[in-house]
Amino acid sequence: MVSNRITIDPSQCNGRPCIRGMRIRVQDILELLVSGASNEEILEEYPYLELDDIKAALHYAAVQLDHPVLFVA
């Protein structure tokens, strides 16, 4: 799901992850959700987005946070 919806291009948005090559960043979607916007509101405001784009942004964020933590005793 993520590989075909999230794109990273060094010449676009300073290499930040974007939705399907458009200039809407994963971060933009996440910030809209955090501010309380519903999926429906986001899709209404950005009609070129699809529900799977929002899901892909959330999945991408989750994957980025899933890293091993080393504890030093």
PDB file of N, CA and C in Angstrom:
ATOM      1  N   MET A   1       0.825  -1.203   0.000  1.00  0.00           N
ATOM      2  CA  MET A   1       0.000   0.000   0.000  1.00  0.00           C
ATOM      3  C   MET A   1       0.860   1.254   0.000  1.00  0.00           C
ATOM      4  N   VAL A   2       1.868   1.308   0.854  1.00  0.00           N
ATOM      5  CA  VAL A   2       2.658   2.522   0.984  1.00  0.00           C
ATOM      6  C   VAL A   2       3.497   2.785  -0.253  1.00  0.00           C
ATOM      7  N   SER A   3       4.087   1.756  -0.827  1.00  0.00           N
ATOM      8  CA  SER A   3       5.051   1.959  -1.894  1.00  0.00           C
ATOM      9  C   SER A   3       4.481   2.685  -3.110  1.00  0.00           C
ATOM     10  N   ASN A   4       3.238   2.469  -3.435  1.00  0.00           N
ATOM     11  CA  ASN A   4       2.692   3.131  -4.620  1.00  0.00           C
ATOM     12  C   ASN A   4       1.941   4.421  -4.291  1.00  0.00           C
ATOM     13  N   ARG A   5       1.758   4.755  -3.044  1.00  0.00           N
ATOM     14  CA  ARG A   5       1.038   5.966  -2.649  1.00  0.00           C
ATOM     15  C   ARG A   5       1.951   7.027  -2.072  1.00  0.00           C
ATOM     16  N   ILE A   6       3.020   6.610  -1.427  1.00  0.00           N
ATOM     17  CA  ILE A   6       3.959   7.549  -0.816  1.00  0.00           C
ATOM     18  C   ILE A   6       5.192   7.627  -1.706  1.00  0.00           C
ATOM     19  N   THR A   7       5.517   8.834  -2.131  1.00  0.00           N
ATOM     20  CA  THR A   7       6.670   9.032  -3.001  1.00  0.00           C
ATOM     21  C   THR A   7       7.640   9.991  -2.338  1.00  0.00           C
ATOM     22  N   ILE A   8       8.909   9.762  -2.605  1.00  0.00           N
ATOM     23  CA  ILE A   8       9.960  10.637  -2.104  1.00  0.00           C
ATOM     24  C   ILE A   8      10.820  11.035  -3.285  1.00  0.00           C
ATOM     25  N   ASP A   9      10.838  12.333  -3.562  1.00  0.00           N
ATOM     26  CA  ASP A   9      11.591  12.877  -4.689  1.00  0.00           C
ATOM     27  C   ASP A   9      12.409  14.054  -4.161  1.00  0.00           C
ATOM     28  N   PRO A  10      13.731  13.963  -4.237  1.00  0.00           N
ATOM     29  CA  PRO A  10      14.574  15.042  -3.701  1.00  0.00           C
ATOM     30  C   PRO A  10      14.266  16.419  -4.292  1.00  0.00           C
ATOM     31  N   SER A  11      13.713  16.455  -5.491  1.00  0.00           N
ATOM     32  CA  SER A  11      13.424  17.746  -6.127  1.00  0.00           C
ATOM     33  C   SER A  11      12.021  18.273  -5.796  1.00  0.00           C
ATOM     34  N   GLN A  12      11.291  17.543  -4.977  1.00  0.00           N
ATOM     35  CA  GLN A  12       9.926  17.956  -4.632  1.00  0.00           C
ATOM     36  C   GLN A  12       9.787  18.017  -3.115  1.00  0.00           C
ATOM     37  N   CYS A  13       9.311  19.132  -2.608  1.00  0.00           N
ATOM     38  CA  CYS A  13       9.075  19.316  -1.165  1.00  0.00           C
ATOM     39  C   CYS A  13      10.313  18.965  -0.338  1.00  0.00           C
ATOM     40  N   ASN A  14      11.473  19.307  -0.864  1.00  0.00           N
ATOM     41  CA  ASN A  14      12.744  19.053  -0.175  1.00  0.00           C
ATOM     42  C   ASN A  14      12.935  17.586   0.198  1.00  0.00           C
ATOM     43  N   GLY A  15      12.410  16.698  -0.608  1.00  0.00           N
ATOM     44  CA  GLY A  15      12.598  15.269  -0.385  1.00  0.00           C
ATOM     45  C   GLY A  15      11.710  14.675   0.685  1.00  0.00           C
ATOM     46  N   ARG A  16      10.748  15.443   1.157  1.00  0.00           N
ATOM     47  CA  ARG A  16       9.832  14.907   2.165  1.00  0.00           C
ATOM     48  C   ARG A  16       8.827  13.967   1.499  1.00  0.00           C
ATOM     49  N   PRO A  17       8.361  12.971   2.232  1.00  0.00           N
ATOM     50  CA  PRO A  17       7.398  12.030   1.651  1.00  0.00           C
ATOM     51  C   PRO A  17       6.096  12.721   1.284  1.00  0.00           C
ATOM     52  N   CYS A  18       5.640  12.449   0.064  1.00  0.00           N
ATOM     53  CA  CYS A  18       4.423  13.069  -0.477  1.00  0.00           C
ATOM     54  C   CYS A  18       3.432  11.991  -0.907  1.00  0.00           C
ATOM     55  N   ILE A  19       2.233  12.431  -1.182  1.00  0.00           N
ATOM     56  CA  ILE A  19       1.184  11.537  -1.643  1.00  0.00           C
ATOM     57  C   ILE A  19       1.206  11.476  -3.167  1.00  0.00           C
ATOM     58  N   ARG A  20       1.440  10.306  -3.701  1.00  0.00           N
ATOM     59  CA  ARG A  20       1.385  10.004  -5.135  1.00  0.00           C
ATOM     60  C   ARG A  20       2.034  11.061  -6.029  1.00  0.00           C
ATOM     61  N   GLY A  21       3.178  11.574  -5.620  1.00  0.00           N
ATOM     62  CA  GLY A  21       3.904  12.523  -6.453  1.00  0.00           C
ATOM     63  C   GLY A  21       3.324  13.919  -6.472  1.00  0.00           C
ATOM     64  N   MET A  22       2.263  14.136  -5.714  1.00  0.00           N
ATOM     65  CA  MET A  22       1.674  15.471  -5.624  1.00  0.00           C
ATOM     66  C   MET A  22       2.419  16.267  -4.562  1.00  0.00           C
ATOM     67  N   ARG A  23       2.164  17.527  -4.499  1.00  0.00           N
ATOM     68  CA  ARG A  23       2.836  18.374  -3.519  1.00  0.00           C
ATOM     69  C   ARG A  23       2.070  18.459  -2.203  1.00  0.00           C
ATOM     70  N   ILE A  24       1.437  17.382  -1.835  1.00  0.00           N
ATOM     71  CA  ILE A  24       0.847  17.302  -0.509  1.00  0.00           C
ATOM     72  C   ILE A  24       1.630  16.259   0.272  1.00  0.00           C
ATOM     73  N   ARG A  25       2.231  16.729   1.363  1.00  0.00           N
ATOM     74  CA  ARG A  25       3.134  15.881   2.129  1.00  0.00           C
ATOM     75  C   ARG A  25       2.363  14.977   3.087  1.00  0.00           C
ATOM     76  N   VAL A  26       2.992  13.871   3.440  1.00  0.00           N
ATOM     77  CA  VAL A  26       2.437  12.998   4.478  1.00  0.00           C
ATOM     78  C   VAL A  26       2.195  13.835   5.726  1.00  0.00           C
ATOM     79  N   GLN A  27       3.127  14.697   6.054  1.00  0.00           N
ATOM     80  CA  GLN A  27       3.004  15.561   7.224  1.00  0.00           C
ATOM     81  C   GLN A  27       1.755  16.436   7.152  1.00  0.00           C
ATOM     82  N   ASP A  28       1.412  16.916   5.977  1.00  0.00           N
ATOM     83  CA  ASP A  28       0.202  17.741   5.824  1.00  0.00           C
ATOM     84  C   ASP A  28      -1.041  16.952   6.215  1.00  0.00           C
ATOM     85  N   ILE A  29      -1.118  15.715   5.750  1.00  0.00           N
ATOM     86  CA  ILE A  29      -2.259  14.854   6.074  1.00  0.00           C
ATOM     87  C   ILE A  29      -2.314  14.600   7.576  1.00  0.00           C
ATOM     88  N   LEU A  30      -1.168  14.275   8.164  1.00  0.00           N
ATOM     89  CA  LEU A  30      -1.122  13.987   9.594  1.00  0.00           C
ATOM     90  C   LEU A  30      -1.522  15.208  10.409  1.00  0.00           C
ATOM     91  N   GLU A  31      -1.067  16.384  10.015  1.00  0.00           N
ATOM     92  CA  GLU A  31      -1.418  17.606  10.743  1.00  0.00           C
ATOM     93  C   GLU A  31      -2.911  17.909  10.641  1.00  0.00           C
ATOM     94  N   LEU A  32      -3.502  17.645   9.495  1.00  0.00           N
ATOM     95  CA  LEU A  32      -4.945  17.838   9.357  1.00  0.00           C
ATOM     96  C   LEU A  32      -5.705  16.903  10.302  1.00  0.00           C
ATOM     97  N   LEU A  33      -5.263  15.656  10.359  1.00  0.00           N
ATOM     98  CA  LEU A  33      -5.921  14.689  11.248  1.00  0.00           C
ATOM     99  C   LEU A  33      -5.759  15.088  12.715  1.00  0.00           C
ATOM    100  N   VAL A  34      -4.562  15.516  13.084  1.00  0.00           N
ATOM    101  CA  VAL A  34      -4.305  15.919  14.471  1.00  0.00           C
ATOM    102  C   VAL A  34      -5.141  17.140  14.842  1.00  0.00           C
ATOM    103  N   SER A  35      -5.370  18.021  13.887  1.00  0.00           N
ATOM    104  CA  SER A  35      -6.154  19.224  14.176  1.00  0.00           C
ATOM    105  C   SER A  35      -7.647  18.928  14.295  1.00  0.00           C
ATOM    106  N   GLY A  36      -8.020  17.674  14.037  1.00  0.00           N
ATOM    107  CA  GLY A  36      -9.412  17.280  14.210  1.00  0.00           C
ATOM    108  C   GLY A  36     -10.205  17.105  12.927  1.00  0.00           C
ATOM    109  N   ALA A  37      -9.557  17.296  11.792  1.00  0.00           N
ATOM    110  CA  ALA A  37     -10.265  17.105  10.518  1.00  0.00           C
ATOM    111  C   ALA A  37     -10.587  15.625  10.335  1.00  0.00           C
ATOM    112  N   SER A  38     -11.778  15.356   9.866  1.00  0.00           N
ATOM    113  CA  SER A  38     -12.173  13.977   9.580  1.00  0.00           C
ATOM    114  C   SER A  38     -11.677  13.588   8.190  1.00  0.00           C
ATOM    115  N   ASN A  39     -11.668  12.306   7.932  1.00  0.00           N
ATOM    116  CA  ASN A  39     -11.309  11.838   6.585  1.00  0.00           C
ATOM    117  C   ASN A  39     -12.186  12.505   5.541  1.00  0.00           C
ATOM    118  N   GLU A  40     -13.473  12.588   5.837  1.00  0.00           N
ATOM    119  CA  GLU A  40     -14.424  13.170   4.884  1.00  0.00           C
ATOM    120  C   GLU A  40     -14.106  14.640   4.620  1.00  0.00           C
ATOM    121  N   GLU A  41     -13.745  15.377   5.673  1.00  0.00           N
ATOM    122  CA  GLU A  41     -13.410  16.793   5.499  1.00  0.00           C
ATOM    123  C   GLU A  41     -12.152  16.964   4.658  1.00  0.00           C
ATOM    124  N   ILE A  42     -11.172  16.111   4.905  1.00  0.00           N
ATOM    125  CA  ILE A  42      -9.932  16.189   4.120  1.00  0.00           C
ATOM    126  C   ILE A  42     -10.214  15.894   2.656  1.00  0.00           C
ATOM    127  N   LEU A  43     -11.003  14.859   2.404  1.00  0.00           N
ATOM    128  CA  LEU A  43     -11.313  14.487   1.018  1.00  0.00           C
ATOM    129  C   LEU A  43     -12.161  15.549   0.328  1.00  0.00           C
ATOM    130  N   GLU A  44     -12.979  16.242   1.083  1.00  0.00           N
ATOM    131  CA  GLU A  44     -13.784  17.322   0.501  1.00  0.00           C
ATOM    132  C   GLU A  44     -12.903  18.525   0.158  1.00  0.00           C
ATOM    133  N   GLU A  45     -11.961  18.823   1.047  1.00  0.00           N
ATOM    134  CA  GLU A  45     -11.056  19.961   0.834  1.00  0.00           C
ATOM    135  C   GLU A  45     -10.033  19.685  -0.271  1.00  0.00           C
ATOM    136  N   TYR A  46      -9.635  18.433  -0.398  1.00  0.00           N
ATOM    137  CA  TYR A  46      -8.641  18.019  -1.396  1.00  0.00           C
ATOM    138  C   TYR A  46      -9.246  16.899  -2.243  1.00  0.00           C
ATOM    139  N   PRO A  47     -10.088  17.230  -3.206  1.00  0.00           N
ATOM    140  CA  PRO A  47     -10.827  16.203  -3.956  1.00  0.00           C
ATOM    141  C   PRO A  47      -9.946  15.270  -4.790  1.00  0.00           C
ATOM    142  N   TYR A  48      -8.702  15.620  -5.007  1.00  0.00           N
ATOM    143  CA  TYR A  48      -7.798  14.756  -5.763  1.00  0.00           C
ATOM    144  C   TYR A  48      -7.191  13.669  -4.877  1.00  0.00           C
ATOM    145  N   LEU A  49      -7.423  13.747  -3.554  1.00  0.00           N
ATOM    146  CA  LEU A  49      -6.975  12.693  -2.656  1.00  0.00           C
ATOM    147  C   LEU A  49      -8.006  11.581  -2.585  1.00  0.00           C
ATOM    148  N   GLU A  50      -7.550  10.423  -2.168  1.00  0.00           N
ATOM    149  CA  GLU A  50      -8.428   9.265  -1.975  1.00  0.00           C
ATOM    150  C   GLU A  50      -8.264   8.774  -0.546  1.00  0.00           C
ATOM    151  N   LEU A  51      -9.256   8.069  -0.045  1.00  0.00           N
ATOM    152  CA  LEU A  51      -9.196   7.543   1.311  1.00  0.00           C
ATOM    153  C   LEU A  51      -7.935   6.703   1.512  1.00  0.00           C
ATOM    154  N   ASP A  52      -7.544   5.948   0.517  1.00  0.00           N
ATOM    155  CA  ASP A  52      -6.330   5.133   0.628  1.00  0.00           C
ATOM    156  C   ASP A  52      -5.074   5.989   0.791  1.00  0.00           C
ATOM    157  N   ASP A  53      -5.100   7.229   0.317  1.00  0.00           N
ATOM    158  CA  ASP A  53      -3.967   8.139   0.523  1.00  0.00           C
ATOM    159  C   ASP A  53      -3.833   8.489   2.003  1.00  0.00           C
ATOM    160  N   ILE A  54      -4.948   8.744   2.658  1.00  0.00           N
ATOM    161  CA  ILE A  54      -4.933   9.061   4.088  1.00  0.00           C
ATOM    162  C   ILE A  54      -4.449   7.850   4.873  1.00  0.00           C
ATOM    163  N   LYS A  55      -4.956   6.686   4.525  1.00  0.00           N
ATOM    164  CA  LYS A  55      -4.521   5.458   5.195  1.00  0.00           C
ATOM    165  C   LYS A  55      -3.028   5.222   4.982  1.00  0.00           C
ATOM    166  N   ALA A  56      -2.551   5.493   3.778  1.00  0.00           N
ATOM    167  CA  ALA A  56      -1.133   5.302   3.478  1.00  0.00           C
ATOM    168  C   ALA A  56      -0.275   6.264   4.297  1.00  0.00           C
ATOM    169  N   ALA A  57      -0.733   7.485   4.489  1.00  0.00           N
ATOM    170  CA  ALA A  57       0.005   8.454   5.296  1.00  0.00           C
ATOM    171  C   ALA A  57       0.117   7.970   6.740  1.00  0.00           C
ATOM    172  N   LEU A  58      -0.973   7.462   7.280  1.00  0.00           N
ATOM    173  CA  LEU A  58      -0.955   6.931   8.645  1.00  0.00           C
ATOM    174  C   LEU A  58      -0.048   5.711   8.748  1.00  0.00           C
ATOM    175  N   HIS A  59      -0.130   4.840   7.771  1.00  0.00           N
ATOM    176  CA  HIS A  59       0.714   3.644   7.771  1.00  0.00           C
ATOM    177  C   HIS A  59       2.187   4.024   7.672  1.00  0.00           C
ATOM    178  N   TYR A  60       2.495   4.976   6.813  1.00  0.00           N
ATOM    179  CA  TYR A  60       3.877   5.430   6.657  1.00  0.00           C
ATOM    180  C   TYR A  60       4.411   5.955   7.988  1.00  0.00           C
ATOM    181  N   ALA A  61       3.614   6.763   8.681  1.00  0.00           N
ATOM    182  CA  ALA A  61       4.028   7.304   9.971  1.00  0.00           C
ATOM    183  C   ALA A  61       4.254   6.183  10.980  1.00  0.00           C
ATOM    184  N   ALA A  62       3.379   5.209  10.998  1.00  0.00           N
ATOM    185  CA  ALA A  62       3.517   4.090  11.932  1.00  0.00           C
ATOM    186  C   ALA A  62       4.794   3.305  11.655  1.00  0.00           C
ATOM    187  N   VAL A  63       5.081   3.070  10.399  1.00  0.00           N
ATOM    188  CA  VAL A  63       6.287   2.323  10.029  1.00  0.00           C
ATOM    189  C   VAL A  63       7.540   3.110  10.442  1.00  0.00           C
ATOM    190  N   GLN A  64       7.508   4.423  10.271  1.00  0.00           N
ATOM    191  CA  GLN A  64       8.655   5.252  10.630  1.00  0.00           C
ATOM    192  C   GLN A  64       8.942   5.207  12.123  1.00  0.00           C
ATOM    193  N   LEU A  65       7.907   5.022  12.917  1.00  0.00           N
ATOM    194  CA  LEU A  65       8.074   4.973  14.372  1.00  0.00           C
ATOM    195  C   LEU A  65       8.472   3.595  14.878  1.00  0.00           C
ATOM    196  N   ASP A  66       8.353   2.596  14.051  1.00  0.00           N
ATOM    197  CA  ASP A  66       8.642   1.228  14.452  1.00  0.00           C
ATOM    198  C   ASP A  66      10.116   0.922  14.247  1.00  0.00           C
ATOM    199  N   HIS A  67      10.926   1.309  15.209  1.00  0.00           N
ATOM    200  CA  HIS A  67      12.355   1.049  15.125  1.00  0.00           C
ATOM    201  C   HIS A  67      12.818   0.410  16.437  1.00  0.00           C
ATOM    202  N   PRO A  68      13.870  -0.371  16.370  1.00  0.00           N
ATOM    203  CA  PRO A  68      14.336  -1.045  17.580  1.00  0.00           C
ATOM    204  C   PRO A  68      14.874  -0.033  18.592  1.00  0.00           C
ATOM    205  N   VAL A  69      14.632  -0.331  19.847  1.00  0.00           N
ATOM    206  CA  VAL A  69      15.139   0.501  20.938  1.00  0.00           C
ATOM    207  C   VAL A  69      16.155  -0.324  21.715  1.00  0.00           C
ATOM    208  N   LEU A  70      17.331   0.202  21.838  1.00  0.00           N
ATOM    209  CA  LEU A  70      18.393  -0.482  22.555  1.00  0.00           C
ATOM    210  C   LEU A  70      18.484   0.069  23.971  1.00  0.00           C
ATOM    211  N   PHE A  71      18.457  -0.821  24.922  1.00  0.00           N
ATOM    212  CA  PHE A  71      18.603  -0.427  26.318  1.00  0.00           C
ATOM    213  C   PHE A  71      20.009  -0.755  26.768  1.00  0.00           C
ATOM    214  N   VAL A  72      20.649   0.192  27.387  1.00  0.00           N
ATOM    215  CA  VAL A  72      21.986  -0.025  27.918  1.00  0.00           C
ATOM    216  C   VAL A  72      21.870  -0.231  29.409  1.00  0.00           C
ATOM    217  N   ALA A  73      22.370  -1.366  29.861  1.00  0.00           N
ATOM    218  CA  ALA A  73      22.277  -1.682  31.296  1.00  0.00           C
ATOM    219  C   ALA A  73      23.428  -1.105  32.066  1.00  0.00           C
TER     220      ALA A  73
END
